[in-house]
Amino acid sequence: MTNVIETDVLICGAGAAGLTLAIDLARRGVSFRLIDKIDGPFQGSRGKGIQPRTQEVFEDLGILDRVAARGGPYPPQREYRPDGKYSESEIFERQEPTAAEPYRIPVMLPQFLTEAAMRERLLELGHEPCFGAELHDIRPDDTGVTAWVASAAGEKTFRVRYLVGTDGGRSFVRHALNVGFPGETLGVRALVADVDLAGLDRDAWHRFERGSRDKQLSICPLAGTALFQIQAPIPPEGAADLSAEGLSAMVAERSGRQDIRVNAVSWASAYSMNARLADRYRVGRVFLAGDAAHIHPPTGGQGLNTSVQDAYNLGWKLAAVLNGAPDALLDTYEEERRPIAAGMLGLATRLLDEMKQGVLRRGRETRQLDLGYPISSLSLETPARRDGILAGDRAPDAPVRGAGGQPVRLFQLFHGPHWTLLAHDAESAPPIAPRPNLRIHAIGARGDIIDEGGHLRAIYGTRVGDWILVRPDGYVGAVVSGGDAETLDAYMVCAGLRALTPK
């Protein structure tokens, strides 16, 4: 082909999922292009909650501190009664960090600010999205994908080894692949609007008409901005008035107050809630991630977070296969992430039913710290364990000390695009050969890491001779005991971790 742009991966959609994948590929040195058909960055806040598990992902990607600095905690909810009096309660139970879970409550930051922080990180890594570039045709084959992209500069042809559709609920990529998107319309139509508003203070999430399914009104101050977000159910038919005047009238009607005024609308949308899950996440060399693979009601703050974690799961696997790992590794993306999305849809739908009754409380299940891949073909445990951390579990944090004397966290050992092998007092076991993309740490009195205080042993339930292999995305891939180096080596070869052959 002539005048063809060649790269390893084409990512179509520069939202949270596409940006996560781009950051992960960039830090791994994978060549890619990130495109989006819209003319510039999305300026709304469909998602505004960064769950604790996503905070861990963001720490690894190098953006957590800037996200936390720009955002803030969720305010208490203030529920107004018809007589104007109100009561306050927490939406989330306030929990202090622990050694194993350093982040335990969500951070609020509007989606457009979260994505801005991600674009900054991507630019630090030498890349940026190309906006105003619309994918309009793809032709996959056995060795790659040919894609045609139109922009103001004309049409460009790409030849890539893999293509990833992160292009939203109406995904062109999903339609081009003819992948089914079954599910249901949930019978709720709602509006969401980011507005400049006067008449309410910013120290509470204001809620009116809690007991009414059709007249509920939620007005939440958006951390990191001077804006408020209005959320409300609207009639199933007819045009919604999303102007400042129209929203002011709705607020006055539902709140019973004339002192609340919408001065300007930054972004607004009226939508019908759906719960849908793609039949497949992979078709040959093309993948779906984020809203292209699953859509859901916004209850529970799961959407952006699940999308980020889709991409975080896929990124290291694409890089590994591009560097020679078996192609079957890519099949584990759908195997692992599609059940997570199915569970998320069920949770969001249940929380929607509760919200219809006026209940807005979110428990531990929304924080995503307990999600894992226990039945994945990538999870190896030999012999089987009954307690402690199991293969497929999220790898917890723990405070330890380096042999040089300085305190360190396990998360600091895990950070980066590599695998991590923790060898617990395994002096008598056969040595594991060093290999690219693997960092080996010996835990014990003569190791490079000292379990001072016994936190690692208590959290992980390790015993002398245990090997715990942690994946690049922070989940336990394998727990191997008894010095079975042959089994561990075979696992690592299948995951793309081959020892170098001496020259």
Protein backbone atom coordinates (compact mmCIF):
# COMPACT_ATOMS: atom_id res chain seq x y z
CA MET A 1 0.00 0.00 0.00
CA THR A 2 1.12 3.57 -0.61
CA ASN A 3 0.42 6.56 1.65
CA VAL A 4 -0.58 4.24 4.45
CA ILE A 5 0.14 5.08 8.10
CA GLU A 6 1.46 2.03 9.90
CA THR A 7 1.33 1.65 13.67
CA ASP A 8 0.77 -1.17 16.13
CA VAL A 9 -2.56 -0.06 17.65
CA LEU A 10 -5.31 2.33 16.58
CA ILE A 11 -7.52 3.49 19.47
CA CYS A 12 -10.85 4.95 18.38
CA GLY A 13 -12.33 7.16 21.10
CA ALA A 14 -10.40 9.56 23.35
CA GLY A 15 -12.53 9.34 26.48
CA ALA A 16 -11.46 7.78 29.76
CA ALA A 17 -11.03 4.25 28.35
CA GLY A 18 -9.10 5.36 25.27
CA LEU A 19 -6.87 7.67 27.29
CA THR A 20 -6.11 4.95 29.84
CA LEU A 21 -5.13 2.55 27.08
CA ALA A 22 -3.02 5.22 25.37
CA ILE A 23 -1.13 6.05 28.59
CA ASP A 24 -0.47 2.39 29.28
CA LEU A 25 0.77 1.68 25.75
CA ALA A 26 2.88 4.83 25.74
CA ARG A 27 4.75 3.88 28.88
CA ARG A 28 5.39 0.45 27.37
CA GLY A 29 6.86 1.90 24.19
CA VAL A 30 4.08 0.55 21.94
CA SER A 31 3.36 2.59 18.81
CA PHE A 32 -0.26 3.74 18.52
CA ARG A 33 -2.61 6.47 17.38
CA LEU A 34 -5.52 7.80 19.45
CA ILE A 35 -8.37 9.42 17.48
CA ASP A 36 -11.81 10.83 18.22
CA LYS A 37 -14.46 12.12 15.85
CA ILE A 38 -15.48 15.05 18.09
CA ASP A 39 -13.70 18.33 17.43
CA GLY A 40 -12.24 18.73 20.90
CA PRO A 41 -12.23 17.28 24.42
CA PHE A 42 -15.59 16.36 25.95
CA GLN A 43 -16.68 19.13 28.34
CA GLY A 44 -19.34 17.40 30.44
CA SER A 45 -19.41 15.27 33.55
CA ARG A 46 -21.36 12.12 32.86
CA GLY A 47 -19.05 10.49 35.38
CA LYS A 48 -17.77 12.29 38.45
CA GLY A 49 -16.73 9.59 40.95
CA ILE A 50 -13.27 8.03 41.05
CA GLN A 51 -13.66 4.79 43.00
CA PRO A 52 -10.87 3.47 45.28
CA ARG A 53 -9.78 0.74 42.85
CA THR A 54 -9.49 3.29 40.04
CA GLN A 55 -7.48 5.50 42.39
CA GLU A 56 -5.00 2.63 42.64
CA VAL A 57 -4.88 2.40 38.86
CA PHE A 58 -4.33 6.15 38.60
CA GLU A 59 -1.50 5.95 41.13
CA ASP A 60 0.24 3.43 38.88
CA LEU A 61 -0.37 5.58 35.79
CA GLY A 62 1.08 8.64 37.53
CA ILE A 63 -2.02 10.84 37.75
CA LEU A 64 -3.63 10.15 41.14
CA ASP A 65 -2.17 13.10 43.00
CA ARG A 66 -3.17 15.62 40.34
CA VAL A 67 -6.67 14.13 40.17
CA ALA A 68 -7.03 14.24 43.98
CA ALA A 69 -5.67 17.79 44.12
CA ARG A 70 -8.26 19.02 41.62
CA GLY A 71 -11.17 17.11 43.10
CA GLY A 72 -12.48 16.51 46.58
CA PRO A 73 -14.63 14.27 48.78
CA TYR A 74 -18.34 13.77 48.26
CA PRO A 75 -20.40 16.12 50.44
CA PRO A 76 -23.15 14.78 52.70
CA GLN A 77 -26.60 14.53 51.18
CA ARG A 78 -29.11 17.08 52.46
CA GLU A 79 -32.70 15.92 52.10
CA TYR A 80 -35.32 18.67 52.24
CA ARG A 81 -38.80 18.12 53.61
CA PRO A 82 -41.88 20.00 52.33
CA ASP A 83 -41.73 22.33 55.35
CA GLY A 84 -38.23 23.45 54.32
CA LYS A 85 -36.43 21.61 57.11
CA TYR A 86 -33.85 19.02 56.21
CA SER A 87 -31.75 16.13 57.45
CA GLU A 88 -28.21 15.18 56.46
CA SER A 89 -26.49 11.84 56.01
CA GLU A 90 -23.39 10.47 54.34
CA ILE A 91 -23.69 8.83 50.92
CA PHE A 92 -20.62 6.71 51.66
CA GLU A 93 -19.47 5.34 54.97
CA ARG A 94 -16.30 7.23 55.85
CA GLN A 95 -13.48 4.72 56.24
CA GLU A 96 -9.88 5.36 57.16
CA PRO A 97 -7.12 3.98 54.93
CA THR A 98 -5.53 0.70 55.95
CA ALA A 99 -2.20 -0.91 55.13
CA ALA A 100 -3.87 -3.12 52.53
CA GLU A 101 -6.29 -0.50 51.16
CA PRO A 102 -4.72 2.97 51.03
CA TYR A 103 -7.76 4.46 49.27
CA ARG A 104 -11.18 3.67 50.70
CA ILE A 105 -13.55 6.47 49.72
CA PRO A 106 -14.35 7.88 46.27
CA VAL A 107 -12.92 11.15 45.00
CA MET A 108 -15.28 13.48 43.15
CA LEU A 109 -13.93 15.08 40.00
CA PRO A 110 -15.99 15.91 36.90
CA GLN A 111 -15.22 13.73 33.91
CA PHE A 112 -13.87 16.59 31.82
CA LEU A 113 -11.27 17.41 34.49
CA THR A 114 -10.34 13.75 34.96
CA GLU A 115 -9.78 13.40 31.22
CA ALA A 116 -7.80 16.65 31.16
CA ALA A 117 -5.42 15.18 33.76
CA MET A 118 -5.11 12.05 31.63
CA ARG A 119 -4.30 14.06 28.51
CA GLU A 120 -1.61 15.91 30.45
CA ARG A 121 -0.04 12.60 31.46
CA LEU A 122 -0.24 11.32 27.90
CA LEU A 123 1.49 14.45 26.64
CA GLU A 124 4.28 13.92 29.19
CA LEU A 125 4.77 10.53 27.54
CA GLY A 126 5.04 12.16 24.11
CA HIS A 127 1.55 11.60 22.69
CA GLU A 128 -1.78 13.39 22.30
CA PRO A 129 -5.22 12.58 20.90
CA CYS A 130 -6.14 13.54 17.36
CA PHE A 131 -9.60 15.15 17.52
CA GLY A 132 -11.83 15.68 14.51
CA ALA A 133 -10.75 12.34 13.04
CA GLU A 134 -13.63 9.97 12.34
CA LEU A 135 -13.26 6.27 11.65
CA HIS A 136 -15.61 5.39 8.82
CA ASP A 137 -14.51 1.95 7.62
CA ILE A 138 -12.45 -1.00 8.86
CA ARG A 139 -11.31 -4.18 7.17
CA PRO A 140 -9.82 -6.77 9.54
CA ASP A 141 -7.82 -9.74 8.27
CA ASP A 142 -5.54 -12.42 9.71
CA THR A 143 -2.50 -10.17 10.10
CA GLY A 144 -4.03 -6.82 11.04
CA VAL A 145 -6.67 -4.21 10.34
CA THR A 146 -6.94 -1.62 7.58
CA ALA A 147 -8.84 1.45 8.75
CA TRP A 148 -9.99 4.58 6.95
CA VAL A 149 -10.17 7.81 8.92
CA ALA A 150 -11.66 11.09 7.66
CA SER A 151 -10.73 14.53 8.97
CA ALA A 152 -10.68 18.13 7.77
CA ALA A 153 -7.32 17.35 6.17
CA GLY A 154 -8.83 14.53 4.10
CA GLU A 155 -8.91 10.76 4.34
CA LYS A 156 -6.07 8.73 5.81
CA THR A 157 -5.53 4.98 5.60
CA PHE A 158 -4.10 3.15 8.58
CA ARG A 159 -2.62 -0.32 8.66
CA VAL A 160 -2.45 -1.57 12.24
CA ARG A 161 -1.86 -4.82 14.03
CA TYR A 162 -4.76 -4.22 16.43
CA LEU A 163 -7.71 -1.82 16.64
CA VAL A 164 -9.57 -0.96 19.85
CA GLY A 165 -13.02 0.62 19.87
CA THR A 166 -13.44 2.90 22.88
CA ASP A 167 -15.98 4.96 20.98
CA GLY A 168 -18.96 4.93 23.33
CA GLY A 169 -22.39 3.40 23.56
CA ARG A 170 -23.17 4.01 19.88
CA SER A 171 -19.83 2.55 18.87
CA PHE A 172 -19.06 2.54 15.16
CA VAL A 173 -16.53 -0.22 15.77
CA ARG A 174 -19.11 -2.47 17.44
CA HIS A 175 -21.58 -1.90 14.60
CA ALA A 176 -18.89 -2.54 11.97
CA LEU A 177 -18.11 -5.87 13.63
CA ASN A 178 -21.83 -6.73 13.79
CA VAL A 179 -21.49 -7.52 17.50
CA GLY A 180 -24.80 -7.78 19.32
CA PHE A 181 -25.57 -5.38 22.18
CA PRO A 182 -28.45 -7.03 24.03
CA GLY A 183 -30.04 -5.65 27.15
CA GLU A 184 -33.01 -3.57 28.15
CA THR A 185 -34.33 -0.06 28.32
CA LEU A 186 -35.00 0.59 31.99
CA GLY A 187 -38.03 2.86 31.68
CA VAL A 188 -36.29 5.90 33.13
CA ARG A 189 -35.60 9.08 31.23
CA ALA A 190 -33.48 11.70 32.96
CA LEU A 191 -31.53 14.87 32.48
CA VAL A 192 -28.09 15.78 33.71
CA ALA A 193 -26.74 19.32 33.49
CA ASP A 194 -23.59 21.09 34.66
CA VAL A 195 -24.67 24.61 35.55
CA ASP A 196 -23.73 27.91 37.11
CA LEU A 197 -26.30 28.20 39.89
CA ALA A 198 -27.12 30.66 42.67
CA GLY A 199 -29.15 30.10 45.85
CA LEU A 200 -27.55 26.95 47.30
CA ASP A 201 -24.37 26.48 49.29
CA ARG A 202 -21.65 24.05 48.24
CA ASP A 203 -21.30 22.01 51.42
CA ALA A 204 -24.04 19.49 50.62
CA TRP A 205 -25.59 17.38 47.88
CA HIS A 206 -29.09 18.88 47.85
CA ARG A 207 -32.05 16.55 47.30
CA PHE A 208 -35.72 17.44 46.94
CA GLU A 209 -38.90 15.37 46.53
CA ARG A 210 -37.14 12.24 47.69
CA GLY A 211 -40.33 10.22 47.93
CA SER A 212 -41.50 10.93 44.38
CA ARG A 213 -40.27 8.75 41.52
CA ASP A 214 -41.10 11.39 38.92
CA LYS A 215 -40.31 14.65 40.72
CA GLN A 216 -37.00 13.88 42.46
CA LEU A 217 -34.37 16.57 42.11
CA SER A 218 -30.67 16.30 42.91
CA ILE A 219 -28.29 19.27 42.87
CA CYS A 220 -24.67 18.44 43.63
CA PRO A 221 -21.71 20.86 43.81
CA LEU A 222 -19.03 19.62 41.39
CA ALA A 223 -15.70 19.46 43.18
CA GLY A 224 -12.90 21.27 41.40
CA THR A 225 -15.28 23.73 39.74
CA ALA A 226 -17.73 26.50 40.58
CA LEU A 227 -20.49 24.46 38.91
CA PHE A 228 -23.35 22.37 40.24
CA GLN A 229 -24.72 19.25 38.59
CA ILE A 230 -28.50 18.87 38.30
CA GLN A 231 -29.95 15.37 37.94
CA ALA A 232 -33.65 14.67 37.62
CA PRO A 233 -36.10 12.21 36.03
CA ILE A 234 -38.13 13.70 33.17
CA PRO A 235 -41.22 12.51 31.23
CA PRO A 236 -40.57 9.67 28.76
CA GLU A 237 -41.84 11.69 25.83
CA GLY A 238 -41.36 15.21 24.60
CA ALA A 239 -38.45 17.58 24.31
CA ALA A 240 -36.61 18.53 27.49
CA ASP A 241 -35.95 22.23 28.04
CA LEU A 242 -32.26 22.28 28.92
CA SER A 243 -31.88 26.06 28.79
CA ALA A 244 -31.02 28.06 31.91
CA GLU A 245 -34.62 29.33 32.00
CA GLY A 246 -36.10 25.87 31.56
CA LEU A 247 -33.91 24.34 34.25
CA SER A 248 -34.65 27.22 36.63
CA ALA A 249 -38.37 26.62 36.18
CA MET A 250 -38.01 22.89 36.85
CA VAL A 251 -35.90 23.54 39.95
CA ALA A 252 -38.43 26.02 41.29
CA GLU A 253 -41.32 23.63 40.71
CA ARG A 254 -39.67 20.61 42.33
CA SER A 255 -37.90 22.38 45.19
CA GLY A 256 -40.71 24.78 46.02
CA ARG A 257 -38.14 27.56 46.19
CA GLN A 258 -37.87 30.68 44.12
CA ASP A 259 -34.40 31.68 45.31
CA ILE A 260 -32.52 29.00 43.35
CA ARG A 261 -31.55 30.27 39.92
CA VAL A 262 -29.66 28.65 37.04
CA ASN A 263 -27.56 31.42 35.49
CA ALA A 264 -25.87 29.45 32.71
CA VAL A 265 -25.59 25.90 31.37
CA SER A 266 -22.11 24.52 30.73
CA TRP A 267 -23.29 21.13 29.44
CA ALA A 268 -26.59 19.26 29.50
CA SER A 269 -28.05 16.02 28.22
CA ALA A 270 -31.40 14.23 28.26
CA TYR A 271 -31.19 10.46 27.96
CA SER A 272 -33.00 7.17 28.48
CA MET A 273 -31.33 4.71 30.82
CA ASN A 274 -30.29 1.37 29.38
CA ALA A 275 -28.38 -1.67 30.58
CA ARG A 276 -26.61 -3.43 27.69
CA LEU A 277 -23.62 -5.72 27.32
CA ALA A 278 -21.80 -6.58 24.10
CA ASP A 279 -21.95 -10.24 23.06
CA ARG A 280 -18.21 -10.21 22.40
CA TYR A 281 -15.25 -8.06 23.41
CA ARG A 282 -12.90 -9.45 20.78
CA VAL A 283 -13.32 -10.23 17.10
CA GLY A 284 -9.97 -11.28 15.73
CA ARG A 285 -7.67 -8.27 15.95
CA VAL A 286 -10.38 -5.82 17.01
CA PHE A 287 -11.44 -5.17 20.63
CA LEU A 288 -14.19 -3.26 22.42
CA ALA A 289 -13.69 -1.45 25.72
CA GLY A 290 -15.59 0.98 27.92
CA ASP A 291 -19.05 2.13 26.88
CA ALA A 292 -18.59 0.47 23.49
CA ALA A 293 -18.80 -2.82 25.40
CA HIS A 294 -21.29 -1.95 28.16
CA ILE A 295 -23.76 0.80 29.03
CA HIS A 296 -25.71 1.15 32.25
CA PRO A 297 -27.57 3.59 34.49
CA PRO A 298 -25.24 6.05 36.24
CA THR A 299 -26.23 4.91 39.72
CA GLY A 300 -23.33 3.77 41.84
CA GLY A 301 -20.66 5.65 39.93
CA GLN A 302 -19.43 2.53 38.14
CA GLY A 303 -19.22 3.47 34.46
CA LEU A 304 -16.07 5.54 34.06
CA ASN A 305 -14.31 3.30 36.56
CA THR A 306 -15.21 0.08 34.79
CA SER A 307 -14.11 1.62 31.49
CA VAL A 308 -10.72 2.65 32.90
CA GLN A 309 -10.20 -0.84 34.29
CA ASP A 310 -11.15 -2.45 30.95
CA ALA A 311 -8.33 -0.56 29.28
CA TYR A 312 -5.93 -1.24 32.15
CA ASN A 313 -6.55 -4.96 31.69
CA LEU A 314 -6.12 -4.84 27.91
CA GLY A 315 -3.06 -2.60 27.66
CA TRP A 316 -0.43 -4.89 29.13
CA LYS A 317 -1.80 -7.87 27.23
CA LEU A 318 -1.58 -6.08 23.88
CA ALA A 319 1.99 -5.02 24.66
CA ALA A 320 2.94 -8.55 25.69
CA VAL A 321 1.58 -10.15 22.52
CA LEU A 322 3.22 -7.47 20.36
CA ASN A 323 6.46 -8.49 22.06
CA GLY A 324 6.03 -12.20 21.38
CA ALA A 325 3.64 -13.57 24.01
CA PRO A 326 1.12 -16.16 22.77
CA ASP A 327 -1.95 -14.66 21.08
CA ALA A 328 -4.16 -16.64 23.47
CA LEU A 329 -3.25 -14.11 26.16
CA LEU A 330 -5.57 -11.64 24.42
CA ASP A 331 -8.51 -14.01 24.80
CA THR A 332 -8.29 -13.51 28.56
CA TYR A 333 -9.37 -9.88 28.14
CA GLU A 334 -12.96 -10.82 27.35
CA GLU A 335 -12.79 -13.80 29.70
CA GLU A 336 -11.95 -11.52 32.61
CA ARG A 337 -13.66 -8.22 31.87
CA ARG A 338 -17.03 -9.25 30.46
CA PRO A 339 -18.18 -10.95 33.71
CA ILE A 340 -17.07 -7.85 35.64
CA ALA A 341 -19.26 -5.68 33.39
CA ALA A 342 -22.20 -8.06 33.77
CA GLY A 343 -21.93 -7.76 37.54
CA MET A 344 -21.61 -3.99 37.30
CA LEU A 345 -24.80 -3.78 35.22
CA GLY A 346 -26.65 -5.77 37.85
CA LEU A 347 -25.35 -3.54 40.64
CA ALA A 348 -26.16 -0.29 38.83
CA THR A 349 -29.67 -1.53 38.02
CA ARG A 350 -30.30 -2.52 41.64
CA LEU A 351 -29.08 0.87 42.85
CA LEU A 352 -31.38 2.53 40.30
CA ASP A 353 -34.34 0.66 41.79
CA GLU A 354 -33.32 1.90 45.24
CA MET A 355 -32.93 5.46 43.98
CA LYS A 356 -36.46 5.35 42.58
CA GLN A 357 -37.54 4.84 46.19
CA GLY A 358 -35.46 7.79 47.34
CA VAL A 359 -32.50 5.81 48.71
CA LEU A 360 -29.03 7.09 47.85
CA ARG A 361 -26.58 5.00 49.86
CA ARG A 362 -23.54 3.29 48.39
CA GLY A 363 -21.74 0.43 50.07
CA ARG A 364 -18.43 -1.33 49.69
CA GLU A 365 -19.51 -3.13 46.51
CA THR A 366 -19.34 0.16 44.58
CA ARG A 367 -15.66 0.70 45.46
CA GLN A 368 -14.49 -2.18 43.25
CA LEU A 369 -11.75 -3.32 45.65
CA ASP A 370 -13.19 -6.83 45.87
CA LEU A 371 -13.38 -7.44 42.13
CA GLY A 372 -11.01 -10.02 40.72
CA TYR A 373 -10.47 -12.90 38.34
CA PRO A 374 -10.54 -16.06 40.47
CA ILE A 375 -11.73 -18.35 37.67
CA SER A 376 -9.61 -16.84 34.92
CA SER A 377 -7.35 -19.12 32.94
CA LEU A 378 -4.60 -16.68 33.97
CA SER A 379 -5.05 -17.49 37.67
CA LEU A 380 -2.80 -20.30 38.91
CA GLU A 381 -2.69 -21.63 42.45
CA THR A 382 -0.67 -24.68 43.41
CA PRO A 383 -1.43 -26.21 45.78
CA ALA A 384 -4.89 -24.75 46.36
CA ARG A 385 -5.10 -22.33 49.28
CA ARG A 386 -7.89 -21.90 51.79
CA ASP A 387 -6.92 -18.54 53.22
CA GLY A 388 -4.84 -15.50 52.51
CA ILE A 389 -4.61 -13.88 49.11
CA LEU A 390 -5.65 -16.17 46.27
CA ALA A 391 -4.79 -16.22 42.59
CA GLY A 392 -7.01 -13.74 40.78
CA ASP A 393 -7.41 -11.45 43.78
CA ARG A 394 -6.46 -7.79 43.76
CA ALA A 395 -2.91 -7.57 45.12
CA PRO A 396 -3.14 -5.51 48.34
CA ASP A 397 -0.71 -2.86 49.46
CA ALA A 398 1.46 -3.27 52.57
CA PRO A 399 4.21 -1.27 54.27
CA VAL A 400 7.63 -2.95 54.19
CA ARG A 401 11.26 -1.83 54.37
CA GLY A 402 14.00 -2.05 51.81
CA ALA A 403 17.22 -3.72 52.88
CA GLY A 404 18.90 -0.34 52.46
CA GLY A 405 16.84 0.95 55.36
CA GLN A 406 14.11 3.04 53.74
CA PRO A 407 10.36 2.42 54.12
CA VAL A 408 8.56 1.35 50.98
CA ARG A 409 5.07 0.19 50.00
CA LEU A 410 4.27 -2.88 47.95
CA PHE A 411 2.45 -0.61 45.51
CA GLN A 412 5.75 1.15 44.88
CA LEU A 413 7.29 -2.20 43.96
CA PHE A 414 4.36 -2.95 41.65
CA HIS A 415 4.29 0.45 39.91
CA GLY A 416 5.26 0.37 36.27
CA PRO A 417 4.67 -1.89 33.28
CA HIS A 418 6.37 -4.97 34.77
CA TRP A 419 5.34 -8.13 36.59
CA THR A 420 6.48 -8.53 40.22
CA LEU A 421 7.53 -11.79 41.88
CA LEU A 422 7.54 -11.89 45.67
CA ALA A 423 9.60 -14.81 47.02
CA HIS A 424 8.87 -15.34 50.69
CA ASP A 425 11.88 -16.78 52.55
CA ALA A 426 12.52 -19.04 49.58
CA GLU A 427 16.25 -19.55 50.19
CA SER A 428 16.04 -23.33 49.80
CA ALA A 429 13.90 -23.19 46.65
CA PRO A 430 15.39 -23.35 43.15
CA PRO A 431 16.19 -19.84 41.90
CA ILE A 432 13.94 -18.17 39.36
CA ALA A 433 15.93 -16.86 36.42
CA PRO A 434 15.71 -13.09 35.89
CA ARG A 435 13.93 -12.11 32.71
CA PRO A 436 12.76 -8.96 30.95
CA ASN A 437 9.62 -7.30 32.34
CA LEU A 438 9.89 -9.12 35.68
CA ARG A 439 11.14 -7.76 38.99
CA ILE A 440 11.98 -10.30 41.67
CA HIS A 441 11.98 -9.38 45.35
CA ALA A 442 13.12 -11.73 48.10
CA ILE A 443 11.12 -11.16 51.27
CA GLY A 444 12.94 -12.03 54.48
CA ALA A 445 15.87 -11.35 56.77
CA ARG A 446 18.36 -11.87 53.94
CA GLY A 447 16.20 -10.51 51.18
CA ASP A 448 16.07 -7.08 49.59
CA ILE A 449 12.68 -6.45 51.23
CA ILE A 450 12.10 -6.79 54.99
CA ASP A 451 8.57 -7.49 56.23
CA GLU A 452 9.07 -5.24 59.22
CA GLY A 453 5.98 -5.45 61.37
CA GLY A 454 4.71 -8.56 59.60
CA HIS A 455 2.15 -6.64 57.52
CA LEU A 456 2.86 -8.50 54.29
CA ARG A 457 2.57 -11.90 55.93
CA ALA A 458 -0.63 -10.92 57.73
CA ILE A 459 -2.27 -9.44 54.61
CA TYR A 460 -1.13 -12.01 52.07
CA GLY A 461 -1.12 -15.08 54.31
CA THR A 462 2.26 -16.10 52.94
CA ARG A 463 4.27 -19.05 54.18
CA VAL A 464 7.94 -19.92 53.86
CA GLY A 465 8.63 -21.00 50.29
CA ASP A 466 5.67 -19.18 48.70
CA TRP A 467 6.02 -17.37 45.40
CA ILE A 468 3.41 -14.72 44.63
CA LEU A 469 3.45 -13.41 41.07
CA VAL A 470 1.67 -10.07 40.63
CA ARG A 471 0.46 -9.05 37.18
CA PRO A 472 1.15 -5.63 35.63
CA ASP A 473 -2.45 -4.61 36.38
CA GLY A 474 -2.13 -5.29 40.10
CA TYR A 475 -3.85 -8.67 40.37
CA VAL A 476 -2.29 -11.88 41.64
CA GLY A 477 -1.53 -14.09 38.66
CA ALA A 478 -0.04 -17.07 40.46
CA VAL A 479 0.57 -18.39 43.96
CA VAL A 480 3.04 -21.25 43.88
CA SER A 481 4.29 -23.00 47.00
CA GLY A 482 6.78 -25.73 47.78
CA GLY A 483 9.54 -24.65 45.45
CA ASP A 484 7.72 -25.75 42.28
CA ALA A 485 9.86 -23.60 40.01
CA GLU A 486 8.96 -25.64 36.92
CA THR A 487 5.24 -24.84 37.25
CA LEU A 488 5.96 -21.17 37.86
CA ASP A 489 8.30 -20.99 34.89
CA ALA A 490 5.73 -22.60 32.59
CA TYR A 491 3.13 -20.05 33.70
CA MET A 492 5.48 -17.17 33.03
CA VAL A 493 6.32 -18.43 29.55
CA CYS A 494 2.61 -18.53 28.67
CA ALA A 495 2.30 -14.96 29.96
CA GLY A 496 5.16 -13.79 27.76
CA LEU A 497 7.86 -13.79 30.47
CA ARG A 498 10.66 -15.79 28.89
CA ALA A 499 14.15 -16.00 30.32
CA LEU A 500 16.81 -14.76 27.94
CA THR A 501 18.84 -17.42 26.19
CA PRO A 502 22.59 -16.92 26.80
CA LYS A 503 24.42 -15.68 23.70
